[in-house]
Amino acid sequence: MLNMIINEGKLGEIPLSFNYCKLSRFFRSSTMKKEKMKAGLKSLGYKMVASYISPGFYKSTASMSVIYDIIKAHKIEEVG
C-alpha cells in the first residue's frame, strides 16, 4: 500500500483516477490488458500507476481524451 501511495505521488497533483475496465464497458469494448493500456500511454509519453484508493483504479498524466482515444483505437482494432 505504501508503495502505491509513493508511486502515485510521483505523478504530481492529478485529481482524477479512472477504471479503464469500466470505461471499456461504457464504450462497449472488450477490456484490454493493463499492460497494453500502460504501453499505449507510455508510447505517447504518459505515465500510469495504480491508485491506492481502490483496486482497478489508475491515475495517469494523460488527459481523459487521450485515454478515450486509446480505448477507441482498441475497439477499432478489435472490430477490424
Foldseek 3Di string as FASTA:
>chain_A
DVVLVVVVPVLPDDPDKDQQCVVLVVVPHHRDDPVLLQVQQVVVPKHKGAHPPDPRIIDMPDDVVSSVVSSVVRRVVVVD
